[in-house]
Amino acid sequence: MSKKIIQNYAQIKNDIFKLSPNANCIVVSKNQANTLIEEILKLGHVHFGENKFQEAFNKWKMLKTFYPDTKLHFIGPIQTNKVKGISNIFDYIHSLDNDKLVDEFYKEELNTKKKLKYFIQVNIDNESQKRGVNVANLSNFISYCRVAKLNLIGLMCIPPINKDPKIFFNLLKDLAEKNNLKDLSMGMSNDYHDALVTGSTWVRIGSKIFSN
């Protein structure tokens, strides 16, 4: 198993280098055992993604003692009562999507003096079942984040299923450029090639690495 994981990881890193040498890979380690995550940590990889606070806390409180340079990315929906805990162990937030979360992160940063890096999750096709800021409301929400002095670095999206993801990746790129945001968190195991070609700076890869 560990040999296959290392092979998968090497292939993805090679793909990224060929398609977009300056892009970053977030290894999505949710639901994975510490022993498997360590296979990637031993290779010197730094960026890992999780989507559940309690699981991440239980897992990384030990791992980060041995790999203190690790940078953790929160990539799931956020409950306001989890903001304090998330702020404590995570470095990047990819799912900022409402005013209440902005207010809570603002207060937490005032208390702790720890500055996180934030992506706004955009509901890129205005799907009723998905979280994220609607495109029509994005400009106002960006302004709200900037008034709160959050370190807003980019936009994130999950394109709709059964539609060409490149359409939505290009749309997100245009939105980022119009709002002077440099980073794009887009592309997962099934569509990261399209995302990289479109200009993604962060791809979130899990199953493609940890599958047999």
C-alpha atoms as a PDB file:
ATOM      1  CA  MET A   1       0.000   0.000   0.000  1.00  0.00           C
ATOM      2  CA  SER A   2       2.681   2.530   0.977  1.00  0.00           C
ATOM      3  CA  LYS A   3       4.609   1.881  -2.233  1.00  0.00           C
ATOM      4  CA  LYS A   4       1.490   2.570  -4.304  1.00  0.00           C
ATOM      5  CA  ILE A   5       0.807   5.795  -2.410  1.00  0.00           C
ATOM      6  CA  ILE A   6       4.318   7.017  -3.081  1.00  0.00           C
ATOM      7  CA  GLN A   7       3.971   6.143  -6.774  1.00  0.00           C
ATOM      8  CA  ASN A   8       0.638   7.959  -7.002  1.00  0.00           C
ATOM      9  CA  TYR A   9       2.055  11.011  -5.267  1.00  0.00           C
ATOM     10  CA  ALA A  10       5.096  11.095  -7.564  1.00  0.00           C
ATOM     11  CA  GLN A  11       2.868  10.897 -10.642  1.00  0.00           C
ATOM     12  CA  ILE A  12       0.706  13.797  -9.494  1.00  0.00           C
ATOM     13  CA  LYS A  13       3.716  15.930  -8.632  1.00  0.00           C
ATOM     14  CA  ASN A  14       5.074  15.215 -12.099  1.00  0.00           C
ATOM     15  CA  ASP A  15       1.746  16.181 -13.695  1.00  0.00           C
ATOM     16  CA  ILE A  16       1.693  19.452 -11.784  1.00  0.00           C
ATOM     17  CA  PHE A  17       5.254  20.292 -12.754  1.00  0.00           C
ATOM     18  CA  LYS A  18       4.518  19.673 -16.438  1.00  0.00           C
ATOM     19  CA  LEU A  19       1.230  21.582 -16.532  1.00  0.00           C
ATOM     20  CA  SER A  20       1.878  24.422 -14.084  1.00  0.00           C
ATOM     21  CA  PRO A  21       5.286  24.359 -12.343  1.00  0.00           C
ATOM     22  CA  ASN A  22       4.361  27.026  -9.789  1.00  0.00           C
ATOM     23  CA  ALA A  23       1.119  25.408  -8.640  1.00  0.00           C
ATOM     24  CA  ASN A  24       0.810  23.725  -5.250  1.00  0.00           C
ATOM     25  CA  CYS A  25      -0.629  20.358  -4.267  1.00  0.00           C
ATOM     26  CA  ILE A  26      -2.761  20.003  -1.148  1.00  0.00           C
ATOM     27  CA  VAL A  27      -2.788  16.339  -0.136  1.00  0.00           C
ATOM     28  CA  VAL A  28      -6.310  15.734   1.158  1.00  0.00           C
ATOM     29  CA  SER A  29      -5.727  13.467   4.129  1.00  0.00           C
ATOM     30  CA  LYS A  30      -9.287  13.211   5.479  1.00  0.00           C
ATOM     31  CA  ASN A  31     -10.268   9.687   6.557  1.00  0.00           C
ATOM     32  CA  GLN A  32      -6.660   8.489   6.194  1.00  0.00           C
ATOM     33  CA  ALA A  33      -4.615   6.762   8.886  1.00  0.00           C
ATOM     34  CA  ASN A  34      -1.588   8.512  10.343  1.00  0.00           C
ATOM     35  CA  THR A  35       0.698   5.785   9.041  1.00  0.00           C
ATOM     36  CA  LEU A  36      -0.373   6.487   5.456  1.00  0.00           C
ATOM     37  CA  ILE A  37      -0.113  10.257   5.849  1.00  0.00           C
ATOM     38  CA  GLU A  38       3.409   9.835   7.175  1.00  0.00           C
ATOM     39  CA  GLU A  39       4.416   8.199   3.900  1.00  0.00           C
ATOM     40  CA  ILE A  40       3.830  11.580   2.252  1.00  0.00           C
ATOM     41  CA  LEU A  41       5.245  13.617   5.137  1.00  0.00           C
ATOM     42  CA  LYS A  42       8.503  11.671   4.910  1.00  0.00           C
ATOM     43  CA  LEU A  43       8.858  12.864   1.320  1.00  0.00           C
ATOM     44  CA  GLY A  44       8.944  16.449   2.562  1.00  0.00           C
ATOM     45  CA  HIS A  45       5.420  17.410   1.549  1.00  0.00           C
ATOM     46  CA  VAL A  46       4.061  20.333   3.562  1.00  0.00           C
ATOM     47  CA  HIS A  47       0.450  21.108   2.554  1.00  0.00           C
ATOM     48  CA  PHE A  48      -2.402  18.871   3.739  1.00  0.00           C
ATOM     49  CA  GLY A  49      -6.179  19.320   3.642  1.00  0.00           C
ATOM     50  CA  GLU A  50      -8.878  18.242   6.085  1.00  0.00           C
ATOM     51  CA  ASN A  51     -12.627  18.892   6.191  1.00  0.00           C
ATOM     52  CA  LYS A  52     -13.634  17.880   9.736  1.00  0.00           C
ATOM     53  CA  PHE A  53     -12.218  19.701  12.732  1.00  0.00           C
ATOM     54  CA  GLN A  54     -12.333  16.953  15.355  1.00  0.00           C
ATOM     55  CA  GLU A  55     -10.802  14.341  13.081  1.00  0.00           C
ATOM     56  CA  ALA A  56      -8.098  16.779  12.048  1.00  0.00           C
ATOM     57  CA  PHE A  57      -7.333  17.762  15.637  1.00  0.00           C
ATOM     58  CA  ASN A  58      -7.019  14.153  16.801  1.00  0.00           C
ATOM     59  CA  LYS A  59      -4.798  13.287  13.871  1.00  0.00           C
ATOM     60  CA  TRP A  60      -2.514  16.291  13.586  1.00  0.00           C
ATOM     61  CA  LYS A  61      -1.860  17.133  17.241  1.00  0.00           C
ATOM     62  CA  MET A  62       0.613  14.248  17.168  1.00  0.00           C
ATOM     63  CA  LEU A  63       1.804  14.482  13.574  1.00  0.00           C
ATOM     64  CA  LYS A  64       2.643  18.186  13.850  1.00  0.00           C
ATOM     65  CA  THR A  65       4.949  17.532  16.780  1.00  0.00           C
ATOM     66  CA  PHE A  66       7.124  15.449  14.445  1.00  0.00           C
ATOM     67  CA  TYR A  67       6.515  17.571  11.322  1.00  0.00           C
ATOM     68  CA  PRO A  68       6.176  21.137  12.642  1.00  0.00           C
ATOM     69  CA  ASP A  69       6.518  22.774   9.215  1.00  0.00           C
ATOM     70  CA  THR A  70       3.241  21.231   8.039  1.00  0.00           C
ATOM     71  CA  LYS A  71       0.628  23.682   6.775  1.00  0.00           C
ATOM     72  CA  LEU A  72      -2.984  22.610   7.244  1.00  0.00           C
ATOM     73  CA  HIS A  73      -5.811  23.677   4.932  1.00  0.00           C
ATOM     74  CA  PHE A  74      -9.431  23.524   6.062  1.00  0.00           C
ATOM     75  CA  ILE A  75     -11.449  22.599   2.981  1.00  0.00           C
ATOM     76  CA  GLY A  76     -14.892  21.729   4.369  1.00  0.00           C
ATOM     77  CA  PRO A  77     -17.981  23.620   5.565  1.00  0.00           C
ATOM     78  CA  ILE A  78     -17.395  25.545   8.784  1.00  0.00           C
ATOM     79  CA  GLN A  79     -19.699  25.863  11.786  1.00  0.00           C
ATOM     80  CA  THR A  80     -19.238  29.136  13.655  1.00  0.00           C
ATOM     81  CA  ASN A  81     -18.732  27.293  16.962  1.00  0.00           C
ATOM     82  CA  LYS A  82     -15.721  25.512  15.457  1.00  0.00           C
ATOM     83  CA  VAL A  83     -13.881  28.687  14.391  1.00  0.00           C
ATOM     84  CA  LYS A  84     -11.738  28.882  17.535  1.00  0.00           C
ATOM     85  CA  GLY A  85     -10.537  25.302  17.215  1.00  0.00           C
ATOM     86  CA  ILE A  86      -9.976  25.572  13.483  1.00  0.00           C
ATOM     87  CA  SER A  87      -7.972  28.774  13.924  1.00  0.00           C
ATOM     88  CA  ASN A  88      -5.765  27.024  16.452  1.00  0.00           C
ATOM     89  CA  ILE A  89      -4.412  24.287  14.170  1.00  0.00           C
ATOM     90  CA  PHE A  90      -5.111  25.395  10.584  1.00  0.00           C
ATOM     91  CA  ASP A  91      -3.161  27.845   8.455  1.00  0.00           C
ATOM     92  CA  TYR A  92      -5.421  28.220   5.404  1.00  0.00           C
ATOM     93  CA  ILE A  93      -9.214  28.378   5.117  1.00  0.00           C
ATOM     94  CA  HIS A  94     -10.736  27.455   1.741  1.00  0.00           C
ATOM     95  CA  SER A  95     -14.440  27.685   2.607  1.00  0.00           C
ATOM     96  CA  LEU A  96     -15.180  31.197   3.824  1.00  0.00           C
ATOM     97  CA  ASP A  97     -18.712  31.889   2.630  1.00  0.00           C
ATOM     98  CA  ASN A  98     -20.783  34.067   4.989  1.00  0.00           C
ATOM     99  CA  ASP A  99     -20.633  37.196   7.134  1.00  0.00           C
ATOM    100  CA  LYS A 100     -20.940  35.341  10.451  1.00  0.00           C
ATOM    101  CA  LEU A 101     -17.784  33.358   9.713  1.00  0.00           C
ATOM    102  CA  VAL A 102     -15.938  36.530   8.794  1.00  0.00           C
ATOM    103  CA  ASP A 103     -16.993  38.086  12.106  1.00  0.00           C
ATOM    104  CA  GLU A 104     -15.896  35.023  14.094  1.00  0.00           C
ATOM    105  CA  PHE A 105     -12.501  34.729  12.394  1.00  0.00           C
ATOM    106  CA  TYR A 106     -11.987  38.468  12.847  1.00  0.00           C
ATOM    107  CA  LYS A 107     -12.623  38.185  16.600  1.00  0.00           C
ATOM    108  CA  GLU A 108     -10.412  35.118  16.891  1.00  0.00           C
ATOM    109  CA  GLU A 109      -7.532  36.834  15.118  1.00  0.00           C
ATOM    110  CA  LEU A 110      -7.847  39.812  17.447  1.00  0.00           C
ATOM    111  CA  ASN A 111      -7.582  37.468  20.436  1.00  0.00           C
ATOM    112  CA  THR A 112      -4.773  35.250  19.223  1.00  0.00           C
ATOM    113  CA  LYS A 113      -2.817  37.580  16.896  1.00  0.00           C
ATOM    114  CA  LYS A 114      -2.548  34.621  14.517  1.00  0.00           C
ATOM    115  CA  LYS A 115      -3.237  35.547  10.886  1.00  0.00           C
ATOM    116  CA  LEU A 116      -4.686  32.890   8.623  1.00  0.00           C
ATOM    117  CA  LYS A 117      -4.904  32.888   4.840  1.00  0.00           C
ATOM    118  CA  TYR A 118      -8.381  32.757   3.345  1.00  0.00           C
ATOM    119  CA  PHE A 119     -10.095  31.632   0.175  1.00  0.00           C
ATOM    120  CA  ILE A 120     -13.721  32.508  -0.475  1.00  0.00           C
ATOM    121  CA  GLN A 121     -15.774  29.525  -1.595  1.00  0.00           C
ATOM    122  CA  VAL A 122     -17.796  30.580  -4.627  1.00  0.00           C
ATOM    123  CA  ASN A 123     -20.980  28.766  -5.634  1.00  0.00           C
ATOM    124  CA  ILE A 124     -19.827  29.056  -9.207  1.00  0.00           C
ATOM    125  CA  ASP A 125     -23.024  27.742 -10.865  1.00  0.00           C
ATOM    126  CA  ASN A 126     -25.439  28.962  -8.163  1.00  0.00           C
ATOM    127  CA  GLU A 127     -26.445  25.400  -7.244  1.00  0.00           C
ATOM    128  CA  SER A 128     -29.090  25.259  -4.537  1.00  0.00           C
ATOM    129  CA  GLN A 129     -27.558  22.224  -2.802  1.00  0.00           C
ATOM    130  CA  LYS A 130     -24.049  23.702  -2.538  1.00  0.00           C
ATOM    131  CA  ARG A 131     -22.508  26.117  -0.109  1.00  0.00           C
ATOM    132  CA  GLY A 132     -20.599  29.128  -1.265  1.00  0.00           C
ATOM    133  CA  VAL A 133     -21.097  32.779  -2.141  1.00  0.00           C
ATOM    134  CA  ASN A 134     -23.243  33.385  -5.217  1.00  0.00           C
ATOM    135  CA  VAL A 135     -21.412  35.129  -8.028  1.00  0.00           C
ATOM    136  CA  ALA A 136     -23.772  38.115  -7.872  1.00  0.00           C
ATOM    137  CA  ASN A 137     -22.909  38.685  -4.193  1.00  0.00           C
ATOM    138  CA  LEU A 138     -19.184  38.058  -4.470  1.00  0.00           C
ATOM    139  CA  SER A 139     -17.969  41.643  -4.816  1.00  0.00           C
ATOM    140  CA  ASN A 140     -19.845  42.785  -1.693  1.00  0.00           C
ATOM    141  CA  PHE A 141     -18.608  39.799   0.290  1.00  0.00           C
ATOM    142  CA  ILE A 142     -15.003  40.462  -0.725  1.00  0.00           C
ATOM    143  CA  SER A 143     -15.405  44.028   0.509  1.00  0.00           C
ATOM    144  CA  TYR A 144     -16.776  42.747   3.823  1.00  0.00           C
ATOM    145  CA  CYS A 145     -13.742  40.463   4.253  1.00  0.00           C
ATOM    146  CA  ARG A 146     -11.360  43.298   3.479  1.00  0.00           C
ATOM    147  CA  VAL A 147     -13.010  45.629   5.974  1.00  0.00           C
ATOM    148  CA  ALA A 148     -12.404  42.910   8.586  1.00  0.00           C
ATOM    149  CA  LYS A 149      -8.748  42.895   7.480  1.00  0.00           C
ATOM    150  CA  LEU A 150      -8.725  39.152   6.818  1.00  0.00           C
ATOM    151  CA  ASN A 151      -5.804  38.036   4.690  1.00  0.00           C
ATOM    152  CA  LEU A 152      -7.882  37.177   1.657  1.00  0.00           C
ATOM    153  CA  ILE A 153      -5.676  35.495  -0.948  1.00  0.00           C
ATOM    154  CA  GLY A 154      -8.022  33.857  -3.437  1.00  0.00           C
ATOM    155  CA  LEU A 155     -11.160  32.046  -4.519  1.00  0.00           C
ATOM    156  CA  MET A 156     -12.192  28.401  -4.340  1.00  0.00           C
ATOM    157  CA  CYS A 157     -14.847  26.468  -6.221  1.00  0.00           C
ATOM    158  CA  ILE A 158     -16.179  22.972  -6.817  1.00  0.00           C
ATOM    159  CA  PRO A 159     -17.622  22.833 -10.346  1.00  0.00           C
ATOM    160  CA  PRO A 160     -20.976  21.152 -10.972  1.00  0.00           C
ATOM    161  CA  ILE A 161     -21.047  17.473 -11.869  1.00  0.00           C
ATOM    162  CA  ASN A 162     -21.694  16.501 -15.486  1.00  0.00           C
ATOM    163  CA  LYS A 163     -20.660  19.864 -16.901  1.00  0.00           C
ATOM    164  CA  ASP A 164     -17.356  20.871 -18.449  1.00  0.00           C
ATOM    165  CA  PRO A 165     -15.276  22.043 -15.443  1.00  0.00           C
ATOM    166  CA  LYS A 166     -13.096  24.289 -17.612  1.00  0.00           C
ATOM    167  CA  ILE A 167     -16.035  26.655 -18.105  1.00  0.00           C
ATOM    168  CA  PHE A 168     -16.270  27.228 -14.365  1.00  0.00           C
ATOM    169  CA  PHE A 169     -12.527  27.284 -13.761  1.00  0.00           C
ATOM    170  CA  ASN A 170     -12.217  30.058 -16.340  1.00  0.00           C
ATOM    171  CA  LEU A 171     -15.090  31.931 -14.723  1.00  0.00           C
ATOM    172  CA  LEU A 172     -13.444  31.716 -11.296  1.00  0.00           C
ATOM    173  CA  LYS A 173     -10.162  32.918 -12.771  1.00  0.00           C
ATOM    174  CA  ASP A 174     -11.910  35.945 -14.296  1.00  0.00           C
ATOM    175  CA  LEU A 175     -13.608  36.733 -10.988  1.00  0.00           C
ATOM    176  CA  ALA A 176     -10.296  36.542  -9.146  1.00  0.00           C
ATOM    177  CA  GLU A 177      -8.590  38.851 -11.612  1.00  0.00           C
ATOM    178  CA  LYS A 178     -11.414  41.412 -11.425  1.00  0.00           C
ATOM    179  CA  ASN A 179     -11.072  41.488  -7.638  1.00  0.00           C
ATOM    180  CA  ASN A 180      -7.256  41.540  -7.509  1.00  0.00           C
ATOM    181  CA  LEU A 181      -6.934  38.075  -5.976  1.00  0.00           C
ATOM    182  CA  LYS A 182      -3.958  35.988  -7.086  1.00  0.00           C
ATOM    183  CA  ASP A 183      -4.711  32.482  -5.853  1.00  0.00           C
ATOM    184  CA  LEU A 184      -7.167  29.912  -7.165  1.00  0.00           C
ATOM    185  CA  SER A 185      -8.072  26.791  -5.200  1.00  0.00           C
ATOM    186  CA  MET A 186      -9.650  24.611  -7.859  1.00  0.00           C
ATOM    187  CA  GLY A 187      -9.182  21.107  -9.149  1.00  0.00           C
ATOM    188  CA  MET A 188      -9.497  17.755  -7.398  1.00  0.00           C
ATOM    189  CA  SER A 189      -8.596  14.167  -8.242  1.00  0.00           C
ATOM    190  CA  ASN A 190     -10.966  13.947 -11.208  1.00  0.00           C
ATOM    191  CA  ASP A 191     -10.348  17.337 -12.822  1.00  0.00           C
ATOM    192  CA  TYR A 192      -6.989  18.701 -11.656  1.00  0.00           C
ATOM    193  CA  HIS A 193      -5.488  18.584 -15.160  1.00  0.00           C
ATOM    194  CA  ASP A 194      -8.179  20.970 -16.446  1.00  0.00           C
ATOM    195  CA  ALA A 195      -7.745  23.183 -13.390  1.00  0.00           C
ATOM    196  CA  LEU A 196      -3.983  23.471 -13.805  1.00  0.00           C
ATOM    197  CA  VAL A 197      -4.238  24.311 -17.491  1.00  0.00           C
ATOM    198  CA  THR A 198      -6.783  27.002 -16.615  1.00  0.00           C
ATOM    199  CA  GLY A 199      -4.541  28.606 -14.009  1.00  0.00           C
ATOM    200  CA  SER A 200      -5.174  26.965 -10.664  1.00  0.00           C
ATOM    201  CA  THR A 201      -2.510  27.700  -8.062  1.00  0.00           C
ATOM    202  CA  TRP A 202      -3.745  25.092  -5.543  1.00  0.00           C
ATOM    203  CA  VAL A 203      -5.146  21.664  -6.389  1.00  0.00           C
ATOM    204  CA  ARG A 204      -6.740  19.447  -3.720  1.00  0.00           C
ATOM    205  CA  ILE A 205      -5.878  15.790  -4.307  1.00  0.00           C
ATOM    206  CA  GLY A 206      -6.967  12.907  -2.070  1.00  0.00           C
ATOM    207  CA  SER A 207      -8.345   9.740  -3.662  1.00  0.00           C
ATOM    208  CA  LYS A 208      -5.894   9.885  -6.551  1.00  0.00           C
ATOM    209  CA  ILE A 209      -3.053   9.578  -4.045  1.00  0.00           C
ATOM    210  CA  PHE A 210      -4.483   7.156  -1.483  1.00  0.00           C
ATOM    211  CA  SER A 211      -6.213   4.736  -3.867  1.00  0.00           C
ATOM    212  CA  ASN A 212      -4.805   1.250  -4.527  1.00  0.00           C
END
